[in-house]
C-alpha atoms as a PDB file:
ATOM      1  CA  UNK A   1      88.739 148.257 118.385  1.00  0.00           C
ATOM      2  CA  UNK A   2      90.843 146.594 115.778  1.00  0.00           C
ATOM      3  CA  UNK A   3      89.275 147.289 112.277  1.00  0.00           C
ATOM      4  CA  UNK A   4      87.977 143.980 110.477  1.00  0.00           C
ATOM      5  CA  UNK A   5      89.031 143.604 106.811  1.00  0.00           C
ATOM      6  CA  UNK A   6      88.590 141.589 104.418  1.00  0.00           C
ATOM      7  CA  UNK A   7      90.063 140.382 101.257  1.00  0.00           C
ATOM      8  CA  UNK A   8      89.817 142.803  98.014  1.00  0.00           C
ATOM      9  CA  UNK A   9      88.839 139.587  95.659  1.00  0.00           C
ATOM     10  CA  UNK A  10      85.543 137.740  96.186  1.00  0.00           C
ATOM     11  CA  UNK A  11      87.121 134.397  95.095  1.00  0.00           C
ATOM     12  CA  UNK A  12      90.060 132.167  95.756  1.00  0.00           C
ATOM     13  CA  UNK A  13      92.437 132.063  92.824  1.00  0.00           C
ATOM     14  CA  UNK A  14      92.426 129.056  90.536  1.00  0.00           C
ATOM     15  CA  UNK A  15      95.487 126.105  90.738  1.00  0.00           C
ATOM     16  CA  UNK A  16      98.647 126.754  89.077  1.00  0.00           C
ATOM     17  CA  UNK A  17     100.533 123.572  87.349  1.00  0.00           C
ATOM     18  CA  UNK A  18     102.247 121.811  89.580  1.00  0.00           C
ATOM     19  CA  UNK A  19     101.234 123.426  92.886  1.00  0.00           C
ATOM     20  CA  UNK A  20     100.445 119.926  94.790  1.00  0.00           C
ATOM     21  CA  UNK A  21     103.803 119.207  93.894  1.00  0.00           C
ATOM     22  CA  UNK A  22     105.263 122.876  95.409  1.00  0.00           C
ATOM     23  CA  UNK A  23     103.145 122.477  98.370  1.00  0.00           C
ATOM     24  CA  UNK A  24     104.862 118.344  99.010  1.00  0.00           C
ATOM     25  CA  UNK A  25     108.473 120.190  98.604  1.00  0.00           C
ATOM     26  CA  UNK A  26     107.749 123.450 101.020  1.00  0.00           C
ATOM     27  CA  UNK A  27     106.505 120.825 103.528  1.00  0.00           C
ATOM     28  CA  UNK A  28     109.862 118.835 102.694  1.00  0.00           C
ATOM     29  CA  UNK A  29     111.736 121.804 103.695  1.00  0.00           C
ATOM     30  CA  UNK A  30     109.847 122.414 106.643  1.00  0.00           C
ATOM     31  CA  UNK A  31     110.542 119.158 107.926  1.00  0.00           C
ATOM     32  CA  UNK A  32     114.565 119.430 107.354  1.00  0.00           C
ATOM     33  CA  UNK A  33     114.164 122.044 109.435  1.00  0.00           C
ATOM     34  CA  UNK A  34     112.440 120.736 111.650  1.00  0.00           C
ATOM     35  CA  UNK A  35     114.445 117.733 112.049  1.00  0.00           C
ATOM     36  CA  UNK A  36     117.998 119.888 112.347  1.00  0.00           C
ATOM     37  CA  UNK A  37     116.811 121.407 115.317  1.00  0.00           C
ATOM     38  CA  UNK A  38     117.515 118.453 117.714  1.00  0.00           C
ATOM     39  CA  UNK A  39     121.472 117.874 116.705  1.00  0.00           C
ATOM     40  CA  UNK A  40     121.937 121.735 117.140  1.00  0.00           C
ATOM     41  CA  UNK A  41     120.949 121.919 120.156  1.00  0.00           C
ATOM     42  CA  UNK A  42     122.757 118.644 121.283  1.00  0.00           C
ATOM     43  CA  UNK A  43     125.618 120.296 119.546  1.00  0.00           C
ATOM     44  CA  UNK A  44     125.145 123.628 121.743  1.00  0.00           C
ATOM     45  CA  UNK A  45     124.463 121.486 125.157  1.00  0.00           C
ATOM     46  CA  UNK A  46     127.743 119.394 124.243  1.00  0.00           C
ATOM     47  CA  UNK A  47     129.487 122.771 123.900  1.00  0.00           C
ATOM     48  CA  UNK A  48     128.477 123.739 127.201  1.00  0.00           C
ATOM     49  CA  UNK A  49     129.519 121.254 129.105  1.00  0.00           C
ATOM     50  CA  UNK A  50     132.951 121.103 127.806  1.00  0.00           C
ATOM     51  CA  UNK A  51     133.597 124.794 128.188  1.00  0.00           C
ATOM     52  CA  UNK A  52     132.236 124.069 131.948  1.00  0.00           C
ATOM     53  CA  UNK A  53     134.648 121.350 132.290  1.00  0.00           C
ATOM     54  CA  UNK A  54     137.714 123.294 130.879  1.00  0.00           C
ATOM     55  CA  UNK A  55     136.774 126.325 133.490  1.00  0.00           C
ATOM     56  CA  UNK A  56     136.852 123.762 136.046  1.00  0.00           C
ATOM     57  CA  UNK A  57     133.399 123.916 136.705  1.00  0.00           C
ATOM     58  CA  UNK A  58     131.467 120.958 138.848  1.00  0.00           C
ATOM     59  CA  UNK A  59     130.570 118.957 135.236  1.00  0.00           C
ATOM     60  CA  UNK A  60     132.827 115.637 134.705  1.00  0.00           C
ATOM     61  CA  UNK A  61     135.226 114.906 131.702  1.00  0.00           C
ATOM     62  CA  UNK A  62     132.638 111.805 131.759  1.00  0.00           C
ATOM     63  CA  UNK A  63     129.252 114.287 131.189  1.00  0.00           C
ATOM     64  CA  UNK A  64     131.082 116.370 128.599  1.00  0.00           C
ATOM     65  CA  UNK A  65     131.605 112.797 126.621  1.00  0.00           C
ATOM     66  CA  UNK A  66     128.250 111.449 127.234  1.00  0.00           C
ATOM     67  CA  UNK A  67     126.936 114.796 125.811  1.00  0.00           C
ATOM     68  CA  UNK A  68     129.249 115.078 122.676  1.00  0.00           C
ATOM     69  CA  UNK A  69     128.468 111.165 121.888  1.00  0.00           C
ATOM     70  CA  UNK A  70     124.320 112.264 121.951  1.00  0.00           C
ATOM     71  CA  UNK A  71     125.357 115.038 119.749  1.00  0.00           C
ATOM     72  CA  UNK A  72     127.416 112.691 117.123  1.00  0.00           C
ATOM     73  CA  UNK A  73     124.433 110.174 117.000  1.00  0.00           C
ATOM     74  CA  UNK A  74     122.034 112.632 116.368  1.00  0.00           C
ATOM     75  CA  UNK A  75     123.914 114.253 113.820  1.00  0.00           C
ATOM     76  CA  UNK A  76     124.432 111.525 111.671  1.00  0.00           C
ATOM     77  CA  UNK A  77     120.844 110.369 111.880  1.00  0.00           C
ATOM     78  CA  UNK A  78     119.788 113.597 110.796  1.00  0.00           C
ATOM     79  CA  UNK A  79     122.164 113.845 108.129  1.00  0.00           C
ATOM     80  CA  UNK A  80     120.765 110.442 106.491  1.00  0.00           C
ATOM     81  CA  UNK A  81     117.468 111.897 106.874  1.00  0.00           C
ATOM     82  CA  UNK A  82     118.271 114.886 105.038  1.00  0.00           C
ATOM     83  CA  UNK A  83     119.861 113.348 102.524  1.00  0.00           C
ATOM     84  CA  UNK A  84     117.171 111.123 101.508  1.00  0.00           C
ATOM     85  CA  UNK A  85     114.823 114.196 101.594  1.00  0.00           C
ATOM     86  CA  UNK A  86     116.769 115.645  99.399  1.00  0.00           C
ATOM     87  CA  UNK A  87     116.534 113.017  97.039  1.00  0.00           C
ATOM     88  CA  UNK A  88     112.809 112.896  97.081  1.00  0.00           C
ATOM     89  CA  UNK A  89     112.963 116.493  97.235  1.00  0.00           C
ATOM     90  CA  UNK A  90     114.653 116.166  93.823  1.00  0.00           C
ATOM     91  CA  UNK A  91     111.810 114.253  91.957  1.00  0.00           C
ATOM     92  CA  UNK A  92     109.447 116.287  93.243  1.00  0.00           C
ATOM     93  CA  UNK A  93     110.975 119.374  91.498  1.00  0.00           C
ATOM     94  CA  UNK A  94     111.448 116.978  88.232  1.00  0.00           C
ATOM     95  CA  UNK A  95     107.804 116.475  88.176  1.00  0.00           C
ATOM     96  CA  UNK A  96     106.372 119.822  89.212  1.00  0.00           C
ATOM     97  CA  UNK A  97     108.717 121.173  86.260  1.00  0.00           C
ATOM     98  CA  UNK A  98     107.300 118.985  84.117  1.00  0.00           C
ATOM     99  CA  UNK A  99     103.903 120.056  84.892  1.00  0.00           C
ATOM    100  CA  UNK A 100     104.857 123.354  84.400  1.00  0.00           C
ATOM    101  CA  UNK A 101     106.357 122.604  81.013  1.00  0.00           C
ATOM    102  CA  UNK A 102     102.966 121.466  79.650  1.00  0.00           C
ATOM    103  CA  UNK A 103     101.136 123.650  81.142  1.00  0.00           C
ATOM    104  CA  UNK A 104     102.699 126.152  79.679  1.00  0.00           C
ATOM    105  CA  UNK A 105     102.291 124.683  76.248  1.00  0.00           C
ATOM    106  CA  UNK A 106      98.296 124.318  77.115  1.00  0.00           C
ATOM    107  CA  UNK A 107      98.178 127.958  77.648  1.00  0.00           C
ATOM    108  CA  UNK A 108      98.928 128.749  73.931  1.00  0.00           C
ATOM    109  CA  UNK A 109      95.225 126.917  73.628  1.00  0.00           C
ATOM    110  CA  UNK A 110      93.516 129.696  75.380  1.00  0.00           C
ATOM    111  CA  UNK A 111      93.833 131.651  71.885  1.00  0.00           C
ATOM    112  CA  UNK A 112      91.595 129.065  70.178  1.00  0.00           C
ATOM    113  CA  UNK A 113      88.721 129.929  73.093  1.00  0.00           C
ATOM    114  CA  UNK A 114      90.122 126.964  75.341  1.00  0.00           C
ATOM    115  CA  UNK A 115      89.725 126.715  78.636  1.00  0.00           C
ATOM    116  CA  UNK A 116      92.637 125.037  81.125  1.00  0.00           C
ATOM    117  CA  UNK A 117      92.853 124.350  84.554  1.00  0.00           C
ATOM    118  CA  UNK A 118      95.451 123.364  86.801  1.00  0.00           C
ATOM    119  CA  UNK A 119      95.867 120.737  89.488  1.00  0.00           C
ATOM    120  CA  UNK A 120      92.309 119.525  90.642  1.00  0.00           C
ATOM    121  CA  UNK A 121      92.718 117.696  94.126  1.00  0.00           C
ATOM    122  CA  UNK A 122      90.579 114.883  94.397  1.00  0.00           C
ATOM    123  CA  UNK A 123      90.329 112.517  97.646  1.00  0.00           C
ATOM    124  CA  UNK A 124      92.895 109.872  96.699  1.00  0.00           C
ATOM    125  CA  UNK A 125      94.749 111.717  93.731  1.00  0.00           C
ATOM    126  CA  UNK A 126      95.098 115.153  92.020  1.00  0.00           C
ATOM    127  CA  UNK A 127      94.249 115.876  87.795  1.00  0.00           C
ATOM    128  CA  UNK A 128      97.036 117.470  86.663  1.00  0.00           C
ATOM    129  CA  UNK A 129      95.269 119.445  83.970  1.00  0.00           C
ATOM    130  CA  UNK A 130      92.128 119.664  82.297  1.00  0.00           C
ATOM    131  CA  UNK A 131      91.215 121.453  78.661  1.00  0.00           C
ATOM    132  CA  UNK A 132      87.473 122.147  77.948  1.00  0.00           C
ATOM    133  CA  UNK A 133      87.127 122.784  74.278  1.00  0.00           C
ATOM    134  CA  UNK A 134      84.974 122.708  71.212  1.00  0.00           C
ATOM    135  CA  UNK A 135      86.641 119.669  70.414  1.00  0.00           C
ATOM    136  CA  UNK A 136      86.029 117.983  73.845  1.00  0.00           C
ATOM    137  CA  UNK A 137      86.948 117.924  77.498  1.00  0.00           C
ATOM    138  CA  UNK A 138      90.470 116.201  78.129  1.00  0.00           C
ATOM    139  CA  UNK A 139      92.041 114.935  81.135  1.00  0.00           C
ATOM    140  CA  UNK A 140      95.684 114.886  81.120  1.00  0.00           C
ATOM    141  CA  UNK A 141      98.368 112.893  83.659  1.00  0.00           C
ATOM    142  CA  UNK A 142     101.892 114.268  83.281  1.00  0.00           C
ATOM    143  CA  UNK A 143     105.122 111.713  83.610  1.00  0.00           C
ATOM    144  CA  UNK A 144     108.033 113.325  83.652  1.00  0.00           C
ATOM    145  CA  UNK A 145     110.752 111.141  83.334  1.00  0.00           C
ATOM    146  CA  UNK A 146     114.360 111.396  83.312  1.00  0.00           C
ATOM    147  CA  UNK A 147     116.341 110.269  80.241  1.00  0.00           C
ATOM    148  CA  UNK A 148     119.283 108.182  79.775  1.00  0.00           C
ATOM    149  CA  UNK A 149     122.509 110.625  79.103  1.00  0.00           C
ATOM    150  CA  UNK A 150     123.329 108.020  76.236  1.00  0.00           C
ATOM    151  CA  UNK A 151     121.295 105.743  73.850  1.00  0.00           C
ATOM    152  CA  UNK A 152     117.667 105.995  73.018  1.00  0.00           C
ATOM    153  CA  UNK A 153     114.879 107.515  74.802  1.00  0.00           C
ATOM    154  CA  UNK A 154     111.534 106.198  73.092  1.00  0.00           C
ATOM    155  CA  UNK A 155     108.128 105.747  75.151  1.00  0.00           C
ATOM    156  CA  UNK A 156     106.212 102.795  72.850  1.00  0.00           C
ATOM    157  CA  UNK A 157     102.311 102.601  73.375  1.00  0.00           C
ATOM    158  CA  UNK A 158     100.037 100.281  71.560  1.00  0.00           C
ATOM    159  CA  UNK A 159      97.078 100.085  73.077  1.00  0.00           C
ATOM    160  CA  UNK A 160      97.274  99.078  76.408  1.00  0.00           C
ATOM    161  CA  UNK A 161     100.863  99.112  77.607  1.00  0.00           C
ATOM    162  CA  UNK A 162     103.622 101.612  77.979  1.00  0.00           C
ATOM    163  CA  UNK A 163     107.277 100.965  77.384  1.00  0.00           C
ATOM    164  CA  UNK A 164     110.023 103.609  78.424  1.00  0.00           C
ATOM    165  CA  UNK A 165     113.038 102.498  76.619  1.00  0.00           C
ATOM    166  CA  UNK A 166     111.530  98.867  76.851  1.00  0.00           C
ATOM    167  CA  UNK A 167     110.706  99.007  80.400  1.00  0.00           C
ATOM    168  CA  UNK A 168     107.194  98.754  82.040  1.00  0.00           C
ATOM    169  CA  UNK A 169     106.797 101.592  84.478  1.00  0.00           C
ATOM    170  CA  UNK A 170     106.110 100.791  87.882  1.00  0.00           C
ATOM    171  CA  UNK A 171     102.596 102.394  88.282  1.00  0.00           C
ATOM    172  CA  UNK A 172     100.677 101.987  84.918  1.00  0.00           C
ATOM    173  CA  UNK A 173      99.629 105.559  83.674  1.00  0.00           C
ATOM    174  CA  UNK A 174      96.892 104.247  81.629  1.00  0.00           C
ATOM    175  CA  UNK A 175      94.859 103.563  84.462  1.00  0.00           C
ATOM    176  CA  UNK A 176      95.714 106.557  86.133  1.00  0.00           C
ATOM    177  CA  UNK A 177      94.692 108.778  83.212  1.00  0.00           C
ATOM    178  CA  UNK A 178      91.306 106.490  82.855  1.00  0.00           C
ATOM    179  CA  UNK A 179      90.647 107.290  86.821  1.00  0.00           C
ATOM    180  CA  UNK A 180      90.827 110.914  86.468  1.00  0.00           C
ATOM    181  CA  UNK A 181      88.851 111.435  83.062  1.00  0.00           C
ATOM    182  CA  UNK A 182      85.818 108.733  84.700  1.00  0.00           C
ATOM    183  CA  UNK A 183      86.117 111.628  87.782  1.00  0.00           C
ATOM    184  CA  UNK A 184      85.246 113.981  85.832  1.00  0.00           C
ATOM    185  CA  UNK A 185      82.857 112.404  83.805  1.00  0.00           C
ATOM    186  CA  UNK A 186      80.788 111.906  87.080  1.00  0.00           C
ATOM    187  CA  UNK A 187      81.559 115.263  88.377  1.00  0.00           C
ATOM    188  CA  UNK A 188      79.920 116.794  85.428  1.00  0.00           C
ATOM    189  CA  UNK A 189      77.304 114.650  85.194  1.00  0.00           C
ATOM    190  CA  UNK A 190      76.401 114.977  88.918  1.00  0.00           C
ATOM    191  CA  UNK A 191      76.740 118.993  88.383  1.00  0.00           C
ATOM    192  CA  UNK A 192      75.040 119.306  84.664  1.00  0.00           C
ATOM    193  CA  UNK A 193      73.340 116.240  84.507  1.00  0.00           C
ATOM    194  CA  UNK A 194      74.877 115.576  81.077  1.00  0.00           C
ATOM    195  CA  UNK A 195      76.491 112.356  80.521  1.00  0.00           C
ATOM    196  CA  UNK A 196      79.611 113.885  78.548  1.00  0.00           C
ATOM    197  CA  UNK A 197      82.624 112.218  76.913  1.00  0.00           C
ATOM    198  CA  UNK A 198      86.206 112.849  78.637  1.00  0.00           C
ATOM    199  CA  UNK A 199      89.469 111.709  76.580  1.00  0.00           C
ATOM    200  CA  UNK A 200      92.103 110.713  78.834  1.00  0.00           C
ATOM    201  CA  UNK A 201      95.328 111.846  77.312  1.00  0.00           C
ATOM    202  CA  UNK A 202      98.785 110.902  79.046  1.00  0.00           C
ATOM    203  CA  UNK A 203     102.065 113.182  78.403  1.00  0.00           C
ATOM    204  CA  UNK A 204     105.365 112.522  78.561  1.00  0.00           C
ATOM    205  CA  UNK A 205     107.593 115.996  78.051  1.00  0.00           C
ATOM    206  CA  UNK A 206     110.084 116.150  76.176  1.00  0.00           C
ATOM    207  CA  UNK A 207     109.741 112.316  74.935  1.00  0.00           C
ATOM    208  CA  UNK A 208     109.697 110.908  71.387  1.00  0.00           C
ATOM    209  CA  UNK A 209     106.073 108.399  71.609  1.00  0.00           C
ATOM    210  CA  UNK A 210     106.215 105.878  69.405  1.00  0.00           C
ATOM    211  CA  UNK A 211     102.983 104.342  68.454  1.00  0.00           C
ATOM    212  CA  UNK A 212      99.278 105.174  67.339  1.00  0.00           C
ATOM    213  CA  UNK A 213      97.569 106.946  70.002  1.00  0.00           C
ATOM    214  CA  UNK A 214      94.242 106.408  68.140  1.00  0.00           C
ATOM    215  CA  UNK A 215      94.613 102.439  68.804  1.00  0.00           C
ATOM    216  CA  UNK A 216      93.158 103.350  72.468  1.00  0.00           C
ATOM    217  CA  UNK A 217      90.791 105.355  74.341  1.00  0.00           C
ATOM    218  CA  UNK A 218      93.622 107.226  75.771  1.00  0.00           C
ATOM    219  CA  UNK A 219      96.239 108.981  73.946  1.00  0.00           C
ATOM    220  CA  UNK A 220      99.365 108.898  74.851  1.00  0.00           C
ATOM    221  CA  UNK A 221     101.931 111.782  73.628  1.00  0.00           C
ATOM    222  CA  UNK A 222     104.399 114.670  74.064  1.00  0.00           C
ATOM    223  CA  UNK A 223     103.245 118.097  74.814  1.00  0.00           C
ATOM    224  CA  UNK A 224     103.931 119.307  71.312  1.00  0.00           C
ATOM    225  CA  UNK A 225     101.892 116.641  69.579  1.00  0.00           C
ATOM    226  CA  UNK A 226      98.569 117.158  71.759  1.00  0.00           C
ATOM    227  CA  UNK A 227      97.192 120.841  70.562  1.00  0.00           C
ATOM    228  CA  UNK A 228      97.337 119.495  67.107  1.00  0.00           C
ATOM    229  CA  UNK A 229      95.554 116.142  67.957  1.00  0.00           C
ATOM    230  CA  UNK A 230      92.832 117.909  69.838  1.00  0.00           C
ATOM    231  CA  UNK A 231      92.020 120.283  66.522  1.00  0.00           C
ATOM    232  CA  UNK A 232      91.607 117.001  64.743  1.00  0.00           C
ATOM    233  CA  UNK A 233      88.351 116.019  66.608  1.00  0.00           C
ATOM    234  CA  UNK A 234      84.959 117.078  65.767  1.00  0.00           C
ATOM    235  CA  UNK A 235      83.193 119.617  67.748  1.00  0.00           C
ATOM    236  CA  UNK A 236      81.570 117.870  70.554  1.00  0.00           C
ATOM    237  CA  UNK A 237      80.654 120.300  72.871  1.00  0.00           C
ATOM    238  CA  UNK A 238      78.797 123.903  72.340  1.00  0.00           C
ATOM    239  CA  UNK A 239      79.444 127.274  73.422  1.00  0.00           C
ATOM    240  CA  UNK A 240      77.015 127.116  76.519  1.00  0.00           C
ATOM    241  CA  UNK A 241      78.215 123.948  77.527  1.00  0.00           C
ATOM    242  CA  UNK A 242      81.717 124.717  77.562  1.00  0.00           C
ATOM    243  CA  UNK A 243      80.721 127.934  79.688  1.00  0.00           C
ATOM    244  CA  UNK A 244      78.899 125.609  82.147  1.00  0.00           C
ATOM    245  CA  UNK A 245      81.809 123.070  82.601  1.00  0.00           C
ATOM    246  CA  UNK A 246      84.286 125.821  82.855  1.00  0.00           C
ATOM    247  CA  UNK A 247      82.530 127.251  85.691  1.00  0.00           C
ATOM    248  CA  UNK A 248      81.424 123.852  87.493  1.00  0.00           C
ATOM    249  CA  UNK A 249      85.243 123.069  87.866  1.00  0.00           C
ATOM    250  CA  UNK A 250      86.535 125.832  88.704  1.00  0.00           C
ATOM    251  CA  UNK A 251      84.124 126.149  91.331  1.00  0.00           C
ATOM    252  CA  UNK A 252      85.108 122.809  92.602  1.00  0.00           C
ATOM    253  CA  UNK A 253      88.394 123.994  92.727  1.00  0.00           C
ATOM    254  CA  UNK A 254      88.076 126.784  94.655  1.00  0.00           C
ATOM    255  CA  UNK A 255      85.763 125.368  97.192  1.00  0.00           C
ATOM    256  CA  UNK A 256      89.229 122.962  97.972  1.00  0.00           C
END
């Protein structure tokens, strides 16, 4: 009889920065492998038909040509699809690396006794990072945007509108950040029965951010500026609440 075994640890590990994007990248790689099977099989069949025709088997020349056409069409379609998937994979990889850069910066806050959690998956979205500190609770939306090779690289923010080199982004990060903070606030109210304040933050790693972050409930910063902004805040969270908040969010992550 086979002996039953279990994992040596009790709790599931917490998620790491960019894990959701890593999962999406792996799914794309698996999909590229899957769609490559059909043209490879058709190429093999075409080769077999040509071999049979060459060695004077019963296969006609038209049959070999027909299989070759099928293989050619399938190969062209597959190459087009794989090129699209590769472009998407590159975009996801840039986003994942941005989350890792921000995550590494946030990890330095642990020496101050702050708690840092990553990649909280909710029904319709995920929260890239959450910082739980005596200075408050912060949800962080990371926006990794490629810079132009030449010219200005500036994020402008004046309360309700973000401009990337003067251009409004397709999706409004302010709306996303507020939705994430509201979800954490509602979750903690349900779990702890307390109406805690949660600050939404948008981080553009590597960019210069121009404007006044304090002109809105949402902070828009780069990753290096965030620790200083948190440190300037008043103490809002007691040690007991800090521990309870961290526990509740960690349990939610592990239950996914």
